[in-house]
């Protein structure tokens, strides 16, 4: 088994001036990160949705558009398109699911998403 505490000194490619305190902190961060599982990951707004997720985001958009028309407000006020994409990809931390938006549109979105709680 490789000894983490000797790692900086035992690797010839690391210069002698390498700060061992920095190395220890870096190794600890890597060790902690390696223990986090996929459950810790949330899809980002920059992630690419699957075709099914794109179709779901379009459906969610229609729900938002209809409610926005009923209220006489812009759909973007209720839920931006990026949030709808994230919801379709599994995120549940959208503004549309909290506060006043939850009662205006969030419950309808959750119903379409299968009732998943944020």
PDB file of N, CA and C in Angstrom:
ATOM      1  N   UNK A   1       0.835  -1.178   0.000  1.00  0.00           N
ATOM      2  CA  UNK A   1       0.000   0.000   0.000  1.00  0.00           C
ATOM      3  C   UNK A   1       0.884   1.247   0.000  1.00  0.00           C
ATOM      4  N   UNK A   2       0.496   2.221  -0.806  1.00  0.00           N
ATOM      5  CA  UNK A   2       1.269   3.448  -0.938  1.00  0.00           C
ATOM      6  C   UNK A   2       1.035   4.343   0.262  1.00  0.00           C
ATOM      7  N   UNK A   3       2.079   4.867   0.828  1.00  0.00           N
ATOM      8  CA  UNK A   3       1.956   5.735   2.006  1.00  0.00           C
ATOM      9  C   UNK A   3       1.809   7.178   1.554  1.00  0.00           C
ATOM     10  N   UNK A   4       0.640   7.751   1.849  1.00  0.00           N
ATOM     11  CA  UNK A   4       0.342   9.112   1.434  1.00  0.00           C
ATOM     12  C   UNK A   4       1.314  10.128   2.040  1.00  0.00           C
ATOM     13  N   UNK A   5       1.723   9.909   3.253  1.00  0.00           N
ATOM     14  CA  UNK A   5       2.589  10.891   3.912  1.00  0.00           C
ATOM     15  C   UNK A   5       3.970  10.955   3.276  1.00  0.00           C
ATOM     16  N   UNK A   6       4.392   9.913   2.596  1.00  0.00           N
ATOM     17  CA  UNK A   6       5.704   9.911   1.947  1.00  0.00           C
ATOM     18  C   UNK A   6       5.627  10.267   0.466  1.00  0.00           C
ATOM     19  N   UNK A   7       4.424  10.465  -0.049  1.00  0.00           N
ATOM     20  CA  UNK A   7       4.247  10.684  -1.482  1.00  0.00           C
ATOM     21  C   UNK A   7       5.104  11.819  -2.042  1.00  0.00           C
ATOM     22  N   UNK A   8       5.099  13.027  -1.468  1.00  0.00           N
ATOM     23  CA  UNK A   8       5.870  14.119  -2.068  1.00  0.00           C
ATOM     24  C   UNK A   8       7.374  13.864  -2.078  1.00  0.00           C
ATOM     25  N   UNK A   9       7.885  13.204  -1.033  1.00  0.00           N
ATOM     26  CA  UNK A   9       9.325  12.973  -0.960  1.00  0.00           C
ATOM     27  C   UNK A   9       9.760  11.809  -1.839  1.00  0.00           C
ATOM     28  N   UNK A  10       8.866  10.858  -2.081  1.00  0.00           N
ATOM     29  CA  UNK A  10       9.282   9.648  -2.787  1.00  0.00           C
ATOM     30  C   UNK A  10       9.167   9.744  -4.305  1.00  0.00           C
ATOM     31  N   UNK A  11       8.506  10.761  -4.810  1.00  0.00           N
ATOM     32  CA  UNK A  11       8.364  10.910  -6.250  1.00  0.00           C
ATOM     33  C   UNK A  11       9.470  11.806  -6.784  1.00  0.00           C
ATOM     34  N   UNK A  12      10.251  11.296  -7.694  1.00  0.00           N
ATOM     35  CA  UNK A  12      11.387  12.057  -8.219  1.00  0.00           C
ATOM     36  C   UNK A  12      10.956  13.225  -9.091  1.00  0.00           C
ATOM     37  N   UNK A  13       9.752  13.157  -9.668  1.00  0.00           N
ATOM     38  CA  UNK A  13       9.313  14.229 -10.566  1.00  0.00           C
ATOM     39  C   UNK A  13       8.854  15.477  -9.819  1.00  0.00           C
ATOM     40  N   UNK A  14       8.678  15.397  -8.509  1.00  0.00           N
ATOM     41  CA  UNK A  14       8.260  16.560  -7.720  1.00  0.00           C
ATOM     42  C   UNK A  14       9.504  17.278  -7.222  1.00  0.00           C
ATOM     43  N   UNK A  15       9.630  18.563  -7.517  1.00  0.00           N
ATOM     44  CA  UNK A  15      10.830  19.298  -7.094  1.00  0.00           C
ATOM     45  C   UNK A  15      10.933  19.390  -5.572  1.00  0.00           C
ATOM     46  N   UNK A  16      12.148  19.529  -5.094  1.00  0.00           N
ATOM     47  CA  UNK A  16      12.411  19.595  -3.659  1.00  0.00           C
ATOM     48  C   UNK A  16      11.732  20.805  -3.019  1.00  0.00           C
ATOM     49  N   UNK A  17      11.511  21.849  -3.796  1.00  0.00           N
ATOM     50  CA  UNK A  17      10.890  23.056  -3.243  1.00  0.00           C
ATOM     51  C   UNK A  17       9.372  22.915  -3.076  1.00  0.00           C
ATOM     52  N   UNK A  18       8.842  21.805  -3.476  1.00  0.00           N
ATOM     53  CA  UNK A  18       7.396  21.569  -3.352  1.00  0.00           C
ATOM     54  C   UNK A  18       7.012  21.604  -1.885  1.00  0.00           C
ATOM     55  N   UNK A  19       6.037  22.388  -1.548  1.00  0.00           N
ATOM     56  CA  UNK A  19       5.609  22.575  -0.176  1.00  0.00           C
ATOM     57  C   UNK A  19       4.865  21.337   0.310  1.00  0.00           C
ATOM     58  N   UNK A  20       5.444  20.678   1.322  1.00  0.00           N
ATOM     59  CA  UNK A  20       4.817  19.449   1.816  1.00  0.00           C
ATOM     60  C   UNK A  20       3.465  19.707   2.469  1.00  0.00           C
ATOM     61  N   UNK A  21       3.273  20.879   3.050  1.00  0.00           N
ATOM     62  CA  UNK A  21       1.968  21.220   3.613  1.00  0.00           C
ATOM     63  C   UNK A  21       0.917  21.328   2.528  1.00  0.00           C
ATOM     64  N   UNK A  22       1.318  21.942   1.410  1.00  0.00           N
ATOM     65  CA  UNK A  22       0.407  22.029   0.269  1.00  0.00           C
ATOM     66  C   UNK A  22       0.112  20.634  -0.261  1.00  0.00           C
ATOM     67  N   UNK A  23       1.137  19.815  -0.361  1.00  0.00           N
ATOM     68  CA  UNK A  23       0.966  18.447  -0.857  1.00  0.00           C
ATOM     69  C   UNK A  23       0.026  17.660   0.038  1.00  0.00           C
ATOM     70  N   UNK A  24       0.186  17.801   1.343  1.00  0.00           N
ATOM     71  CA  UNK A  24      -0.681  17.080   2.274  1.00  0.00           C
ATOM     72  C   UNK A  24      -2.131  17.534   2.120  1.00  0.00           C
ATOM     73  N   UNK A  25      -2.332  18.836   1.984  1.00  0.00           N
ATOM     74  CA  UNK A  25      -3.687  19.365   1.789  1.00  0.00           C
ATOM     75  C   UNK A  25      -4.297  18.898   0.481  1.00  0.00           C
ATOM     76  N   UNK A  26      -3.478  18.891  -0.560  1.00  0.00           N
ATOM     77  CA  UNK A  26      -3.939  18.438  -1.860  1.00  0.00           C
ATOM     78  C   UNK A  26      -4.307  16.957  -1.819  1.00  0.00           C
ATOM     79  N   UNK A  27      -3.465  16.159  -1.220  1.00  0.00           N
ATOM     80  CA  UNK A  27      -3.749  14.720  -1.118  1.00  0.00           C
ATOM     81  C   UNK A  27      -5.008  14.463  -0.289  1.00  0.00           C
ATOM     82  N   UNK A  28      -5.210  15.223   0.771  1.00  0.00           N
ATOM     83  CA  UNK A  28      -6.420  15.072   1.587  1.00  0.00           C
ATOM     84  C   UNK A  28      -7.664  15.442   0.780  1.00  0.00           C
ATOM     85  N   UNK A  29      -7.576  16.528   0.014  1.00  0.00           N
ATOM     86  CA  UNK A  29      -8.716  16.939  -0.818  1.00  0.00           C
ATOM     87  C   UNK A  29      -9.026  15.886  -1.867  1.00  0.00           C
ATOM     88  N   UNK A  30      -7.994  15.321  -2.478  1.00  0.00           N
ATOM     89  CA  UNK A  30      -8.203  14.264  -3.476  1.00  0.00           C
ATOM     90  C   UNK A  30      -8.806  13.021  -2.836  1.00  0.00           C
ATOM     91  N   UNK A  31      -8.324  12.673  -1.653  1.00  0.00           N
ATOM     92  CA  UNK A  31      -8.854  11.501  -0.955  1.00  0.00           C
ATOM     93  C   UNK A  31     -10.332  11.715  -0.606  1.00  0.00           C
ATOM     94  N   UNK A  32     -10.668  12.897  -0.101  1.00  0.00           N
ATOM     95  CA  UNK A  32     -12.061  13.195   0.262  1.00  0.00           C
ATOM     96  C   UNK A  32     -12.948  13.202  -0.980  1.00  0.00           C
ATOM     97  N   UNK A  33     -12.462  13.777  -2.064  1.00  0.00           N
ATOM     98  CA  UNK A  33     -13.259  13.832  -3.292  1.00  0.00           C
ATOM     99  C   UNK A  33     -13.467  12.443  -3.894  1.00  0.00           C
ATOM    100  N   UNK A  34     -12.473  11.585  -3.754  1.00  0.00           N
ATOM    101  CA  UNK A  34     -12.606  10.238  -4.321  1.00  0.00           C
ATOM    102  C   UNK A  34     -13.660   9.417  -3.587  1.00  0.00           C
ATOM    103  N   UNK A  35     -14.036   9.831  -2.384  1.00  0.00           N
ATOM    104  CA  UNK A  35     -15.044   9.114  -1.611  1.00  0.00           C
ATOM    105  C   UNK A  35     -16.459   9.608  -1.888  1.00  0.00           C
ATOM    106  N   UNK A  36     -16.587  10.738  -2.581  1.00  0.00           N
ATOM    107  CA  UNK A  36     -17.929  11.223  -2.894  1.00  0.00           C
ATOM    108  C   UNK A  36     -18.446  10.453  -4.102  1.00  0.00           C
ATOM    109  N   UNK A  37     -19.694  10.062  -4.022  1.00  0.00           N
ATOM    110  CA  UNK A  37     -20.273   9.256  -5.082  1.00  0.00           C
ATOM    111  C   UNK A  37     -21.092  10.067  -6.053  1.00  0.00           C
ATOM    112  N   UNK A  38     -21.629   9.412  -7.075  1.00  0.00           N
ATOM    113  CA  UNK A  38     -22.438  10.095  -8.070  1.00  0.00           C
ATOM    114  C   UNK A  38     -23.678  10.761  -7.487  1.00  0.00           C
ATOM    115  N   UNK A  39     -24.138  10.332  -6.316  1.00  0.00           N
ATOM    116  CA  UNK A  39     -25.318  10.946  -5.698  1.00  0.00           C
ATOM    117  C   UNK A  39     -25.053  12.407  -5.344  1.00  0.00           C
ATOM    118  N   UNK A  40     -23.771  12.780  -5.199  1.00  0.00           N
ATOM    119  CA  UNK A  40     -23.430  14.151  -4.857  1.00  0.00           C
ATOM    120  C   UNK A  40     -23.533  15.086  -6.061  1.00  0.00           C
ATOM    121  N   UNK A  41     -23.660  14.524  -7.230  1.00  0.00           N
ATOM    122  CA  UNK A  41     -23.616  15.326  -8.445  1.00  0.00           C
ATOM    123  C   UNK A  41     -25.008  15.803  -8.844  1.00  0.00           C
ATOM    124  N   UNK A  42     -25.109  17.055  -9.212  1.00  0.00           N
ATOM    125  CA  UNK A  42     -26.334  17.628  -9.761  1.00  0.00           C
ATOM    126  C   UNK A  42     -26.027  18.027 -11.195  1.00  0.00           C
ATOM    127  N   UNK A  43     -26.976  17.826 -12.085  1.00  0.00           N
ATOM    128  CA  UNK A  43     -26.704  18.257 -13.454  1.00  0.00           C
ATOM    129  C   UNK A  43     -26.578  19.770 -13.508  1.00  0.00           C
ATOM    130  N   UNK A  44     -25.580  20.235 -14.210  1.00  0.00           N
ATOM    131  CA  UNK A  44     -25.380  21.666 -14.351  1.00  0.00           C
ATOM    132  C   UNK A  44     -26.182  22.207 -15.518  1.00  0.00           C
ATOM    133  N   UNK A  45     -26.329  23.515 -15.539  1.00  0.00           N
ATOM    134  CA  UNK A  45     -27.060  24.126 -16.640  1.00  0.00           C
ATOM    135  C   UNK A  45     -26.333  23.952 -17.960  1.00  0.00           C
ATOM    136  N   UNK A  46     -25.020  23.683 -17.918  1.00  0.00           N
ATOM    137  CA  UNK A  46     -24.254  23.510 -19.141  1.00  0.00           C
ATOM    138  C   UNK A  46     -24.237  22.062 -19.638  1.00  0.00           C
ATOM    139  N   UNK A  47     -24.778  21.128 -18.869  1.00  0.00           N
ATOM    140  CA  UNK A  47     -24.826  19.723 -19.277  1.00  0.00           C
ATOM    141  C   UNK A  47     -25.762  19.555 -20.461  1.00  0.00           C
ATOM    142  N   UNK A  48     -25.525  18.512 -21.236  1.00  0.00           N
ATOM    143  CA  UNK A  48     -26.336  18.263 -22.421  1.00  0.00           C
ATOM    144  C   UNK A  48     -27.445  17.260 -22.100  1.00  0.00           C
ATOM    145  N   UNK A  49     -28.693  17.641 -22.342  1.00  0.00           N
ATOM    146  CA  UNK A  49     -29.802  16.725 -22.077  1.00  0.00           C
ATOM    147  C   UNK A  49     -29.932  15.670 -23.173  1.00  0.00           C
ATOM    148  N   UNK A  50     -30.508  14.554 -22.794  1.00  0.00           N
ATOM    149  CA  UNK A  50     -30.819  13.500 -23.761  1.00  0.00           C
ATOM    150  C   UNK A  50     -32.028  13.949 -24.573  1.00  0.00           C
ATOM    151  N   UNK A  51     -32.329  13.273 -25.686  1.00  0.00           N
ATOM    152  CA  UNK A  51     -33.538  13.628 -26.452  1.00  0.00           C
ATOM    153  C   UNK A  51     -34.810  13.558 -25.599  1.00  0.00           C
ATOM    154  N   UNK A  52     -34.911  12.570 -24.730  1.00  0.00           N
ATOM    155  CA  UNK A  52     -36.089  12.458 -23.864  1.00  0.00           C
ATOM    156  C   UNK A  52     -36.153  13.622 -22.889  1.00  0.00           C
ATOM    157  N   UNK A  53     -35.010  14.031 -22.358  1.00  0.00           N
ATOM    158  CA  UNK A  53     -34.983  15.169 -21.440  1.00  0.00           C
ATOM    159  C   UNK A  53     -35.325  16.472 -22.165  1.00  0.00           C
ATOM    160  N   UNK A  54     -34.876  16.596 -23.423  1.00  0.00           N
ATOM    161  CA  UNK A  54     -35.236  17.778 -24.210  1.00  0.00           C
ATOM    162  C   UNK A  54     -36.747  17.838 -24.409  1.00  0.00           C
ATOM    163  N   UNK A  55     -37.351  16.702 -24.730  1.00  0.00           N
ATOM    164  CA  UNK A  55     -38.804  16.654 -24.929  1.00  0.00           C
ATOM    165  C   UNK A  55     -39.535  17.008 -23.636  1.00  0.00           C
ATOM    166  N   UNK A  56     -39.033  16.514 -22.514  1.00  0.00           N
ATOM    167  CA  UNK A  56     -39.639  16.829 -21.229  1.00  0.00           C
ATOM    168  C   UNK A  56     -39.517  18.319 -20.923  1.00  0.00           C
ATOM    169  N   UNK A  57     -38.364  18.913 -21.223  1.00  0.00           N
ATOM    170  CA  UNK A  57     -38.169  20.351 -21.000  1.00  0.00           C
ATOM    171  C   UNK A  57     -39.151  21.161 -21.840  1.00  0.00           C
ATOM    172  N   UNK A  58     -39.425  20.702 -23.062  1.00  0.00           N
ATOM    173  CA  UNK A  58     -40.406  21.387 -23.908  1.00  0.00           C
ATOM    174  C   UNK A  58     -41.791  21.297 -23.280  1.00  0.00           C
ATOM    175  N   UNK A  59     -42.148  20.126 -22.774  1.00  0.00           N
ATOM    176  CA  UNK A  59     -43.445  19.960 -22.098  1.00  0.00           C
ATOM    177  C   UNK A  59     -43.547  20.871 -20.879  1.00  0.00           C
ATOM    178  N   UNK A  60     -42.484  20.922 -20.100  1.00  0.00           N
ATOM    179  CA  UNK A  60     -42.475  21.802 -18.922  1.00  0.00           C
ATOM    180  C   UNK A  60     -42.635  23.255 -19.352  1.00  0.00           C
ATOM    181  N   UNK A  61     -41.995  23.613 -20.459  1.00  0.00           N
ATOM    182  CA  UNK A  61     -42.109  24.971 -20.983  1.00  0.00           C
ATOM    183  C   UNK A  61     -43.543  25.317 -21.355  1.00  0.00           C
ATOM    184  N   UNK A  62     -44.254  24.352 -21.921  1.00  0.00           N
ATOM    185  CA  UNK A  62     -45.661  24.589 -22.278  1.00  0.00           C
ATOM    186  C   UNK A  62     -46.512  24.805 -21.029  1.00  0.00           C
ATOM    187  N   UNK A  63     -46.202  24.059 -19.969  1.00  0.00           N
ATOM    188  CA  UNK A  63     -46.926  24.240 -18.700  1.00  0.00           C
ATOM    189  C   UNK A  63     -46.669  25.643 -18.157  1.00  0.00           C
ATOM    190  N   UNK A  64     -45.418  26.064 -18.190  1.00  0.00           N
ATOM    191  CA  UNK A  64     -45.051  27.395 -17.694  1.00  0.00           C
ATOM    192  C   UNK A  64     -45.685  28.476 -18.566  1.00  0.00           C
ATOM    193  N   UNK A  65     -45.633  28.301 -19.885  1.00  0.00           N
ATOM    194  CA  UNK A  65     -46.213  29.291 -20.790  1.00  0.00           C
ATOM    195  C   UNK A  65     -47.710  29.466 -20.535  1.00  0.00           C
ATOM    196  N   UNK A  66     -48.405  28.348 -20.347  1.00  0.00           N
ATOM    197  CA  UNK A  66     -49.852  28.416 -20.112  1.00  0.00           C
ATOM    198  C   UNK A  66     -50.157  29.152 -18.809  1.00  0.00           C
ATOM    199  N   UNK A  67     -49.409  28.832 -17.760  1.00  0.00           N
ATOM    200  CA  UNK A  67     -49.659  29.489 -16.471  1.00  0.00           C
ATOM    201  C   UNK A  67     -49.283  30.967 -16.543  1.00  0.00           C
ATOM    202  N   UNK A  68     -48.213  31.286 -17.231  1.00  0.00           N
ATOM    203  CA  UNK A  68     -47.803  32.688 -17.372  1.00  0.00           C
ATOM    204  C   UNK A  68     -48.881  33.478 -18.112  1.00  0.00           C
ATOM    205  N   UNK A  69     -49.486  32.873 -19.130  1.00  0.00           N
ATOM    206  CA  UNK A  69     -50.562  33.544 -19.864  1.00  0.00           C
ATOM    207  C   UNK A  69     -51.765  33.782 -18.947  1.00  0.00           C
ATOM    208  N   UNK A  70     -52.080  32.801 -18.105  1.00  0.00           N
ATOM    209  CA  UNK A  70     -53.184  32.962 -17.152  1.00  0.00           C
ATOM    210  C   UNK A  70     -52.929  34.134 -16.200  1.00  0.00           C
ATOM    211  N   UNK A  71     -51.677  34.255 -15.780  1.00  0.00           N
ATOM    212  CA  UNK A  71     -51.315  35.301 -14.811  1.00  0.00           C
ATOM    213  C   UNK A  71     -51.009  36.640 -15.475  1.00  0.00           C
ATOM    214  N   UNK A  72     -50.786  36.609 -16.794  1.00  0.00           N
ATOM    215  CA  UNK A  72     -50.439  37.835 -17.503  1.00  0.00           C
ATOM    216  C   UNK A  72     -49.027  38.302 -17.233  1.00  0.00           C
ATOM    217  N   UNK A  73     -48.100  37.343 -17.043  1.00  0.00           N
ATOM    218  CA  UNK A  73     -46.695  37.677 -16.794  1.00  0.00           C
ATOM    219  C   UNK A  73     -45.817  36.920 -17.787  1.00  0.00           C
ATOM    220  N   UNK A  74     -44.572  37.315 -17.840  1.00  0.00           N
ATOM    221  CA  UNK A  74     -43.609  36.615 -18.681  1.00  0.00           C
ATOM    222  C   UNK A  74     -43.303  35.238 -18.096  1.00  0.00           C
ATOM    223  N   UNK A  75     -43.199  34.245 -18.956  1.00  0.00           N
ATOM    224  CA  UNK A  75     -42.878  32.893 -18.501  1.00  0.00           C
ATOM    225  C   UNK A  75     -41.525  32.849 -17.785  1.00  0.00           C
ATOM    226  N   UNK A  76     -40.606  33.697 -18.198  1.00  0.00           N
ATOM    227  CA  UNK A  76     -39.278  33.725 -17.589  1.00  0.00           C
ATOM    228  C   UNK A  76     -39.324  34.124 -16.120  1.00  0.00           C
ATOM    229  N   UNK A  77     -40.352  34.853 -15.724  1.00  0.00           N
ATOM    230  CA  UNK A  77     -40.503  35.232 -14.314  1.00  0.00           C
ATOM    231  C   UNK A  77     -40.827  33.995 -13.475  1.00  0.00           C
ATOM    232  N   UNK A  78     -41.623  33.112 -14.043  1.00  0.00           N
ATOM    233  CA  UNK A  78     -41.997  31.901 -13.312  1.00  0.00           C
ATOM    234  C   UNK A  78     -40.869  30.880 -13.297  1.00  0.00           C
ATOM    235  N   UNK A  79     -40.272  30.647 -14.460  1.00  0.00           N
ATOM    236  CA  UNK A  79     -39.176  29.677 -14.544  1.00  0.00           C
ATOM    237  C   UNK A  79     -38.410  29.863 -15.843  1.00  0.00           C
ATOM    238  N   UNK A  80     -37.149  30.281 -15.772  1.00  0.00           N
ATOM    239  CA  UNK A  80     -36.332  30.414 -16.974  1.00  0.00           C
ATOM    240  C   UNK A  80     -36.148  29.060 -17.670  1.00  0.00           C
ATOM    241  N   UNK A  81     -35.924  29.087 -18.961  1.00  0.00           N
ATOM    242  CA  UNK A  81     -35.763  27.855 -19.747  1.00  0.00           C
ATOM    243  C   UNK A  81     -34.600  26.997 -19.241  1.00  0.00           C
ATOM    244  N   UNK A  82     -33.557  27.627 -18.762  1.00  0.00           N
ATOM    245  CA  UNK A  82     -32.419  26.871 -18.228  1.00  0.00           C
ATOM    246  C   UNK A  82     -32.815  26.039 -17.017  1.00  0.00           C
ATOM    247  N   UNK A  83     -33.681  26.602 -16.186  1.00  0.00           N
ATOM    248  CA  UNK A  83     -34.183  25.856 -15.031  1.00  0.00           C
ATOM    249  C   UNK A  83     -35.037  24.677 -15.470  1.00  0.00           C
ATOM    250  N   UNK A  84     -35.828  24.879 -16.501  1.00  0.00           N
ATOM    251  CA  UNK A  84     -36.675  23.783 -16.994  1.00  0.00           C
ATOM    252  C   UNK A  84     -35.814  22.643 -17.523  1.00  0.00           C
ATOM    253  N   UNK A  85     -34.738  23.000 -18.193  1.00  0.00           N
ATOM    254  CA  UNK A  85     -33.812  21.973 -18.687  1.00  0.00           C
ATOM    255  C   UNK A  85     -33.200  21.217 -17.515  1.00  0.00           C
ATOM    256  N   UNK A  86     -32.782  21.959 -16.492  1.00  0.00           N
ATOM    257  CA  UNK A  86     -32.196  21.323 -15.313  1.00  0.00           C
ATOM    258  C   UNK A  86     -33.214  20.419 -14.608  1.00  0.00           C
ATOM    259  N   UNK A  87     -34.465  20.872 -14.505  1.00  0.00           N
ATOM    260  CA  UNK A  87     -35.510  20.036 -13.907  1.00  0.00           C
ATOM    261  C   UNK A  87     -35.702  18.755 -14.715  1.00  0.00           C
ATOM    262  N   UNK A  88     -35.726  18.883 -16.026  1.00  0.00           N
ATOM    263  CA  UNK A  88     -35.894  17.718 -16.887  1.00  0.00           C
ATOM    264  C   UNK A  88     -34.732  16.741 -16.740  1.00  0.00           C
ATOM    265  N   UNK A  89     -33.572  17.273 -16.353  1.00  0.00           N
ATOM    266  CA  UNK A  89     -32.380  16.436 -16.187  1.00  0.00           C
ATOM    267  C   UNK A  89     -32.231  15.916 -14.756  1.00  0.00           C
ATOM    268  N   UNK A  90     -33.203  16.221 -13.885  1.00  0.00           N
ATOM    269  CA  UNK A  90     -33.172  15.643 -12.552  1.00  0.00           C
ATOM    270  C   UNK A  90     -32.924  16.592 -11.401  1.00  0.00           C
ATOM    271  N   UNK A  91     -32.547  17.825 -11.679  1.00  0.00           N
ATOM    272  CA  UNK A  91     -32.315  18.787 -10.591  1.00  0.00           C
ATOM    273  C   UNK A  91     -33.639  19.113  -9.905  1.00  0.00           C
ATOM    274  N   UNK A  92     -33.566  19.394  -8.622  1.00  0.00           N
ATOM    275  CA  UNK A  92     -34.771  19.765  -7.885  1.00  0.00           C
ATOM    276  C   UNK A  92     -34.525  20.991  -7.007  1.00  0.00           C
ATOM    277  N   UNK A  93     -33.552  21.807  -7.382  1.00  0.00           N
ATOM    278  CA  UNK A  93     -33.239  23.001  -6.596  1.00  0.00           C
ATOM    279  C   UNK A  93     -33.603  24.287  -7.329  1.00  0.00           C
ATOM    280  N   UNK A  94     -34.566  24.217  -8.243  1.00  0.00           N
ATOM    281  CA  UNK A  94     -34.966  25.367  -9.046  1.00  0.00           C
ATOM    282  C   UNK A  94     -35.810  26.347  -8.238  1.00  0.00           C
ATOM    283  N   UNK A  95     -35.713  27.608  -8.592  1.00  0.00           N
ATOM    284  CA  UNK A  95     -36.521  28.646  -7.938  1.00  0.00           C
ATOM    285  C   UNK A  95     -38.015  28.382  -8.127  1.00  0.00           C
ATOM    286  N   UNK A  96     -38.378  27.754  -9.242  1.00  0.00           N
ATOM    287  CA  UNK A  96     -39.795  27.469  -9.511  1.00  0.00           C
ATOM    288  C   UNK A  96     -40.396  26.511  -8.490  1.00  0.00           C
ATOM    289  N   UNK A  97     -39.562  25.841  -7.718  1.00  0.00           N
ATOM    290  CA  UNK A  97     -40.059  24.879  -6.733  1.00  0.00           C
ATOM    291  C   UNK A  97     -40.038  25.428  -5.309  1.00  0.00           C
ATOM    292  N   UNK A  98     -39.763  26.723  -5.176  1.00  0.00           N
ATOM    293  CA  UNK A  98     -39.691  27.327  -3.842  1.00  0.00           C
ATOM    294  C   UNK A  98     -40.532  28.597  -3.789  1.00  0.00           C
ATOM    295  N   UNK A  99     -40.849  29.011  -2.599  1.00  0.00           N
ATOM    296  CA  UNK A  99     -41.542  30.275  -2.376  1.00  0.00           C
ATOM    297  C   UNK A  99     -42.864  30.384  -3.121  1.00  0.00           C
ATOM    298  N   UNK A 100     -43.184  31.596  -3.547  1.00  0.00           N
ATOM    299  CA  UNK A 100     -44.451  31.850  -4.232  1.00  0.00           C
ATOM    300  C   UNK A 100     -44.526  31.146  -5.574  1.00  0.00           C
ATOM    301  N   UNK A 101     -43.374  30.913  -6.211  1.00  0.00           N
ATOM    302  CA  UNK A 101     -43.377  30.221  -7.506  1.00  0.00           C
ATOM    303  C   UNK A 101     -43.863  28.774  -7.372  1.00  0.00           C
ATOM    304  N   UNK A 102     -43.576  28.166  -6.231  1.00  0.00           N
ATOM    305  CA  UNK A 102     -44.015  26.784  -6.040  1.00  0.00           C
ATOM    306  C   UNK A 102     -45.535  26.668  -6.159  1.00  0.00           C
ATOM    307  N   UNK A 103     -46.257  27.600  -5.537  1.00  0.00           N
ATOM    308  CA  UNK A 103     -47.721  27.524  -5.605  1.00  0.00           C
ATOM    309  C   UNK A 103     -48.235  27.927  -6.983  1.00  0.00           C
ATOM    310  N   UNK A 104     -47.532  28.833  -7.660  1.00  0.00           N
ATOM    311  CA  UNK A 104     -47.991  29.296  -8.974  1.00  0.00           C
ATOM    312  C   UNK A 104     -47.665  28.329 -10.104  1.00  0.00           C
ATOM    313  N   UNK A 105     -46.479  27.674 -10.030  1.00  0.00           N
ATOM    314  CA  UNK A 105     -46.079  26.795 -11.132  1.00  0.00           C
ATOM    315  C   UNK A 105     -45.372  25.519 -10.667  1.00  0.00           C
ATOM    316  N   UNK A 106     -44.703  25.589  -9.524  1.00  0.00           N
ATOM    317  CA  UNK A 106     -43.894  24.465  -9.059  1.00  0.00           C
ATOM    318  C   UNK A 106     -44.659  23.172  -8.867  1.00  0.00           C
ATOM    319  N   UNK A 107     -45.835  23.254  -8.269  1.00  0.00           N
ATOM    320  CA  UNK A 107     -46.642  22.048  -8.044  1.00  0.00           C
ATOM    321  C   UNK A 107     -47.017  21.388  -9.366  1.00  0.00           C
ATOM    322  N   UNK A 108     -47.355  22.202 -10.360  1.00  0.00           N
ATOM    323  CA  UNK A 108     -47.698  21.658 -11.684  1.00  0.00           C
ATOM    324  C   UNK A 108     -46.496  20.994 -12.332  1.00  0.00           C
ATOM    325  N   UNK A 109     -45.328  21.609 -12.187  1.00  0.00           N
ATOM    326  CA  UNK A 109     -44.113  21.014 -12.750  1.00  0.00           C
ATOM    327  C   UNK A 109     -43.781  19.698 -12.049  1.00  0.00           C
ATOM    328  N   UNK A 110     -43.877  19.700 -10.725  1.00  0.00           N
ATOM    329  CA  UNK A 110     -43.601  18.472  -9.972  1.00  0.00           C
ATOM    330  C   UNK A 110     -44.573  17.357 -10.345  1.00  0.00           C
ATOM    331  N   UNK A 111     -45.827  17.722 -10.571  1.00  0.00           N
ATOM    332  CA  UNK A 111     -46.822  16.724 -10.974  1.00  0.00           C
ATOM    333  C   UNK A 111     -46.407  16.074 -12.298  1.00  0.00           C
ATOM    334  N   UNK A 112     -45.961  16.900 -13.240  1.00  0.00           N
ATOM    335  CA  UNK A 112     -45.514  16.361 -14.532  1.00  0.00           C
ATOM    336  C   UNK A 112     -44.228  15.552 -14.380  1.00  0.00           C
ATOM    337  N   UNK A 113     -43.404  15.938 -13.440  1.00  0.00           N
ATOM    338  CA  UNK A 113     -42.139  15.229 -13.208  1.00  0.00           C
ATOM    339  C   UNK A 113     -42.314  13.952 -12.393  1.00  0.00           C
ATOM    340  N   UNK A 114     -43.502  13.684 -11.963  1.00  0.00           N
ATOM    341  CA  UNK A 114     -43.741  12.462 -11.198  1.00  0.00           C
ATOM    342  C   UNK A 114     -43.826  12.681  -9.716  1.00  0.00           C
ATOM    343  N   UNK A 115     -44.007  13.928  -9.294  1.00  0.00           N
ATOM    344  CA  UNK A 115     -44.212  14.211  -7.879  1.00  0.00           C
ATOM    345  C   UNK A 115     -42.965  14.261  -7.036  1.00  0.00           C
ATOM    346  N   UNK A 116     -41.767  14.250  -7.628  1.00  0.00           N
ATOM    347  CA  UNK A 116     -40.531  14.284  -6.845  1.00  0.00           C
ATOM    348  C   UNK A 116     -40.399  15.540  -6.036  1.00  0.00           C
ATOM    349  N   UNK A 117     -40.159  15.413  -4.751  1.00  0.00           N
ATOM    350  CA  UNK A 117     -39.961  16.568  -3.864  1.00  0.00           C
ATOM    351  C   UNK A 117     -38.588  17.163  -4.096  1.00  0.00           C
ATOM    352  N   UNK A 118     -38.444  18.482  -4.010  1.00  0.00           N
ATOM    353  CA  UNK A 118     -37.128  19.104  -4.127  1.00  0.00           C
ATOM    354  C   UNK A 118     -36.272  18.833  -2.915  1.00  0.00           C
TER     355      UNK A 118
END
